[in-house]
């Protein structure tokens, strides 16, 4: 099976669109809970 550059770009584009939607929904959820954008910038997915 050959993979062309067009295939890679199409998959990458779909992944970025999905990520945009997830981040938009997350920001809307945080805003509905009264969390500021400054607080969101300090959030971590993994404890350090």
PDB file of N, CA and C in Angstrom:
ATOM      1  N   UNK A   1       0.841  -1.174   0.000  1.00  0.00           N
ATOM      2  CA  UNK A   1       0.000   0.000   0.000  1.00  0.00           C
ATOM      3  C   UNK A   1       0.888   1.239   0.000  1.00  0.00           C
ATOM      4  N   UNK A   2       0.698   2.090  -0.951  1.00  0.00           N
ATOM      5  CA  UNK A   2       1.493   3.312  -1.018  1.00  0.00           C
ATOM      6  C   UNK A   2       0.764   4.447  -0.304  1.00  0.00           C
ATOM      7  N   UNK A   3       1.544   5.303   0.291  1.00  0.00           N
ATOM      8  CA  UNK A   3       0.997   6.459   0.992  1.00  0.00           C
ATOM      9  C   UNK A   3       1.503   7.706   0.287  1.00  0.00           C
ATOM     10  N   UNK A   4       0.571   8.537  -0.119  1.00  0.00           N
ATOM     11  CA  UNK A   4       0.969   9.761  -0.803  1.00  0.00           C
ATOM     12  C   UNK A   4       0.948  10.932   0.172  1.00  0.00           C
ATOM     13  N   UNK A   5       1.545  12.003  -0.217  1.00  0.00           N
ATOM     14  CA  UNK A   5       1.572  13.204   0.608  1.00  0.00           C
ATOM     15  C   UNK A   5       0.159  13.731   0.815  1.00  0.00           C
ATOM     16  N   UNK A   6      -0.681  13.593  -0.196  1.00  0.00           N
ATOM     17  CA  UNK A   6      -2.066  14.049  -0.092  1.00  0.00           C
ATOM     18  C   UNK A   6      -2.791  13.299   1.025  1.00  0.00           C
ATOM     19  N   UNK A   7      -2.560  12.017   1.155  1.00  0.00           N
ATOM     20  CA  UNK A   7      -3.187  11.214   2.200  1.00  0.00           C
ATOM     21  C   UNK A   7      -2.743  11.698   3.575  1.00  0.00           C
ATOM     22  N   UNK A   8      -1.458  11.949   3.729  1.00  0.00           N
ATOM     23  CA  UNK A   8      -0.932  12.414   5.007  1.00  0.00           C
ATOM     24  C   UNK A   8      -1.510  13.769   5.371  1.00  0.00           C
ATOM     25  N   UNK A   9      -1.553  14.681   4.422  1.00  0.00           N
ATOM     26  CA  UNK A   9      -2.076  16.025   4.678  1.00  0.00           C
ATOM     27  C   UNK A   9      -3.557  15.967   5.030  1.00  0.00           C
ATOM     28  N   UNK A  10      -4.305  15.112   4.365  1.00  0.00           N
ATOM     29  CA  UNK A  10      -5.735  14.969   4.641  1.00  0.00           C
ATOM     30  C   UNK A  10      -5.961  14.445   6.061  1.00  0.00           C
ATOM     31  N   UNK A  11      -5.209  13.442   6.469  1.00  0.00           N
ATOM     32  CA  UNK A  11      -5.335  12.904   7.823  1.00  0.00           C
ATOM     33  C   UNK A  11      -4.926  13.933   8.873  1.00  0.00           C
ATOM     34  N   UNK A  12      -3.865  14.659   8.607  1.00  0.00           N
ATOM     35  CA  UNK A  12      -3.390  15.687   9.533  1.00  0.00           C
ATOM     36  C   UNK A  12      -4.435  16.796   9.668  1.00  0.00           C
ATOM     37  N   UNK A  13      -5.028  17.182   8.568  1.00  0.00           N
ATOM     38  CA  UNK A  13      -6.057  18.213   8.572  1.00  0.00           C
ATOM     39  C   UNK A  13      -7.270  17.770   9.388  1.00  0.00           C
ATOM     40  N   UNK A  14      -7.684  16.523   9.228  1.00  0.00           N
ATOM     41  CA  UNK A  14      -8.818  16.000   9.999  1.00  0.00           C
ATOM     42  C   UNK A  14      -8.492  15.964  11.491  1.00  0.00           C
ATOM     43  N   UNK A  15      -7.266  15.603  11.822  1.00  0.00           N
ATOM     44  CA  UNK A  15      -6.858  15.552  13.227  1.00  0.00           C
ATOM     45  C   UNK A  15      -6.871  16.948  13.844  1.00  0.00           C
ATOM     46  N   UNK A  16      -6.402  17.945  13.103  1.00  0.00           N
ATOM     47  CA  UNK A  16      -6.408  19.313  13.620  1.00  0.00           C
ATOM     48  C   UNK A  16      -7.822  19.847  13.787  1.00  0.00           C
ATOM     49  N   UNK A  17      -8.710  19.498  12.876  1.00  0.00           N
ATOM     50  CA  UNK A  17     -10.110  19.914  12.991  1.00  0.00           C
ATOM     51  C   UNK A  17     -10.746  19.291  14.221  1.00  0.00           C
ATOM     52  N   UNK A  18     -10.474  18.022  14.452  1.00  0.00           N
ATOM     53  CA  UNK A  18     -11.009  17.343  15.629  1.00  0.00           C
ATOM     54  C   UNK A  18     -10.469  17.977  16.907  1.00  0.00           C
ATOM     55  N   UNK A  19      -9.187  18.254  16.953  1.00  0.00           N
ATOM     56  CA  UNK A  19      -8.586  18.887  18.122  1.00  0.00           C
ATOM     57  C   UNK A  19      -9.187  20.261  18.370  1.00  0.00           C
ATOM     58  N   UNK A  20      -9.428  21.023  17.315  1.00  0.00           N
ATOM     59  CA  UNK A  20     -10.057  22.338  17.445  1.00  0.00           C
ATOM     60  C   UNK A  20     -11.432  22.217  18.085  1.00  0.00           C
ATOM     61  N   UNK A  21     -12.206  21.233  17.643  1.00  0.00           N
ATOM     62  CA  UNK A  21     -13.544  21.033  18.207  1.00  0.00           C
ATOM     63  C   UNK A  21     -13.486  20.635  19.677  1.00  0.00           C
ATOM     64  N   UNK A  22     -12.559  19.760  20.026  1.00  0.00           N
ATOM     65  CA  UNK A  22     -12.417  19.324  21.415  1.00  0.00           C
ATOM     66  C   UNK A  22     -12.019  20.499  22.309  1.00  0.00           C
ATOM     67  N   UNK A  23     -11.066  21.299  21.864  1.00  0.00           N
ATOM     68  CA  UNK A  23     -10.627  22.444  22.662  1.00  0.00           C
ATOM     69  C   UNK A  23     -11.722  23.494  22.799  1.00  0.00           C
ATOM     70  N   UNK A  24     -12.507  23.697  21.753  1.00  0.00           N
ATOM     71  CA  UNK A  24     -13.618  24.654  21.805  1.00  0.00           C
ATOM     72  C   UNK A  24     -14.666  24.201  22.814  1.00  0.00           C
ATOM     73  N   UNK A  25     -15.002  22.912  22.787  1.00  0.00           N
ATOM     74  CA  UNK A  25     -15.975  22.384  23.740  1.00  0.00           C
ATOM     75  C   UNK A  25     -15.439  22.464  25.174  1.00  0.00           C
ATOM     76  N   UNK A  26     -14.171  22.186  25.352  1.00  0.00           N
ATOM     77  CA  UNK A  26     -13.559  22.280  26.675  1.00  0.00           C
ATOM     78  C   UNK A  26     -13.559  23.702  27.208  1.00  0.00           C
ATOM     79  N   UNK A  27     -13.264  24.665  26.355  1.00  0.00           N
ATOM     80  CA  UNK A  27     -13.272  26.068  26.773  1.00  0.00           C
ATOM     81  C   UNK A  27     -14.683  26.521  27.122  1.00  0.00           C
ATOM     82  N   UNK A  28     -15.665  26.077  26.358  1.00  0.00           N
ATOM     83  CA  UNK A  28     -17.059  26.423  26.654  1.00  0.00           C
ATOM     84  C   UNK A  28     -17.494  25.807  27.981  1.00  0.00           C
ATOM     85  N   UNK A  29     -17.086  24.576  28.237  1.00  0.00           N
ATOM     86  CA  UNK A  29     -17.416  23.919  29.504  1.00  0.00           C
ATOM     87  C   UNK A  29     -16.789  24.665  30.678  1.00  0.00           C
ATOM     88  N   UNK A  30     -15.520  25.022  30.540  1.00  0.00           N
ATOM     89  CA  UNK A  30     -14.830  25.736  31.617  1.00  0.00           C
ATOM     90  C   UNK A  30     -15.473  27.103  31.849  1.00  0.00           C
ATOM     91  N   UNK A  31     -15.856  27.787  30.779  1.00  0.00           N
ATOM     92  CA  UNK A  31     -16.509  29.089  30.918  1.00  0.00           C
ATOM     93  C   UNK A  31     -17.850  28.948  31.615  1.00  0.00           C
ATOM     94  N   UNK A  32     -18.572  27.872  31.343  1.00  0.00           N
ATOM     95  CA  UNK A  32     -19.870  27.662  31.990  1.00  0.00           C
ATOM     96  C   UNK A  32     -19.714  27.379  33.480  1.00  0.00           C
ATOM     97  N   UNK A  33     -18.551  26.869  33.864  1.00  0.00           N
ATOM     98  CA  UNK A  33     -18.275  26.598  35.279  1.00  0.00           C
ATOM     99  C   UNK A  33     -17.649  27.809  35.980  1.00  0.00           C
ATOM    100  N   UNK A  34     -17.388  28.883  35.225  1.00  0.00           N
ATOM    101  CA  UNK A  34     -16.833  30.101  35.810  1.00  0.00           C
ATOM    102  C   UNK A  34     -15.324  30.102  35.951  1.00  0.00           C
ATOM    103  N   UNK A  35     -14.638  29.302  35.189  1.00  0.00           N
ATOM    104  CA  UNK A  35     -13.183  29.235  35.246  1.00  0.00           C
ATOM    105  C   UNK A  35     -12.601  30.259  34.280  1.00  0.00           C
ATOM    106  N   UNK A  36     -11.628  31.029  34.733  1.00  0.00           N
ATOM    107  CA  UNK A  36     -11.026  32.040  33.864  1.00  0.00           C
ATOM    108  C   UNK A  36     -10.006  31.402  32.920  1.00  0.00           C
ATOM    109  N   UNK A  37      -9.703  32.137  31.849  1.00  0.00           N
ATOM    110  CA  UNK A  37      -8.710  31.640  30.891  1.00  0.00           C
ATOM    111  C   UNK A  37      -7.331  31.544  31.533  1.00  0.00           C
ATOM    112  N   UNK A  38      -7.023  32.455  32.456  1.00  0.00           N
ATOM    113  CA  UNK A  38      -5.725  32.406  33.145  1.00  0.00           C
ATOM    114  C   UNK A  38      -5.597  31.124  33.958  1.00  0.00           C
ATOM    115  N   UNK A  39      -6.704  30.702  34.593  1.00  0.00           N
ATOM    116  CA  UNK A  39      -6.673  29.450  35.346  1.00  0.00           C
ATOM    117  C   UNK A  39      -6.492  28.260  34.416  1.00  0.00           C
ATOM    118  N   UNK A  40      -7.148  28.300  33.259  1.00  0.00           N
ATOM    119  CA  UNK A  40      -7.033  27.187  32.305  1.00  0.00           C
ATOM    120  C   UNK A  40      -5.600  27.032  31.812  1.00  0.00           C
ATOM    121  N   UNK A  41      -4.872  28.140  31.668  1.00  0.00           N
ATOM    122  CA  UNK A  41      -3.484  28.065  31.202  1.00  0.00           C
ATOM    123  C   UNK A  41      -2.586  27.347  32.198  1.00  0.00           C
ATOM    124  N   UNK A  42      -2.990  27.331  33.465  1.00  0.00           N
ATOM    125  CA  UNK A  42      -2.187  26.686  34.497  1.00  0.00           C
ATOM    126  C   UNK A  42      -2.554  25.228  34.717  1.00  0.00           C
ATOM    127  N   UNK A  43      -3.591  24.741  34.049  1.00  0.00           N
ATOM    128  CA  UNK A  43      -3.995  23.352  34.194  1.00  0.00           C
ATOM    129  C   UNK A  43      -2.974  22.418  33.561  1.00  0.00           C
ATOM    130  N   UNK A  44      -2.854  21.228  34.107  1.00  0.00           N
ATOM    131  CA  UNK A  44      -1.960  20.203  33.564  1.00  0.00           C
ATOM    132  C   UNK A  44      -2.727  18.912  33.441  1.00  0.00           C
ATOM    133  N   UNK A  45      -2.456  18.153  32.407  1.00  0.00           N
ATOM    134  CA  UNK A  45      -3.076  16.834  32.267  1.00  0.00           C
ATOM    135  C   UNK A  45      -2.383  15.815  33.147  1.00  0.00           C
ATOM    136  N   UNK A  46      -1.106  16.032  33.403  1.00  0.00           N
ATOM    137  CA  UNK A  46      -0.318  15.122  34.218  1.00  0.00           C
ATOM    138  C   UNK A  46       0.350  15.930  35.320  1.00  0.00           C
ATOM    139  N   UNK A  47       0.279  15.432  36.525  1.00  0.00           N
ATOM    140  CA  UNK A  47       0.917  16.117  37.643  1.00  0.00           C
ATOM    141  C   UNK A  47       2.419  16.104  37.461  1.00  0.00           C
ATOM    142  N   UNK A  48       3.044  17.227  37.799  1.00  0.00           N
ATOM    143  CA  UNK A  48       4.495  17.312  37.681  1.00  0.00           C
ATOM    144  C   UNK A  48       5.162  17.275  39.019  1.00  0.00           C
TER     145      UNK A  48
END
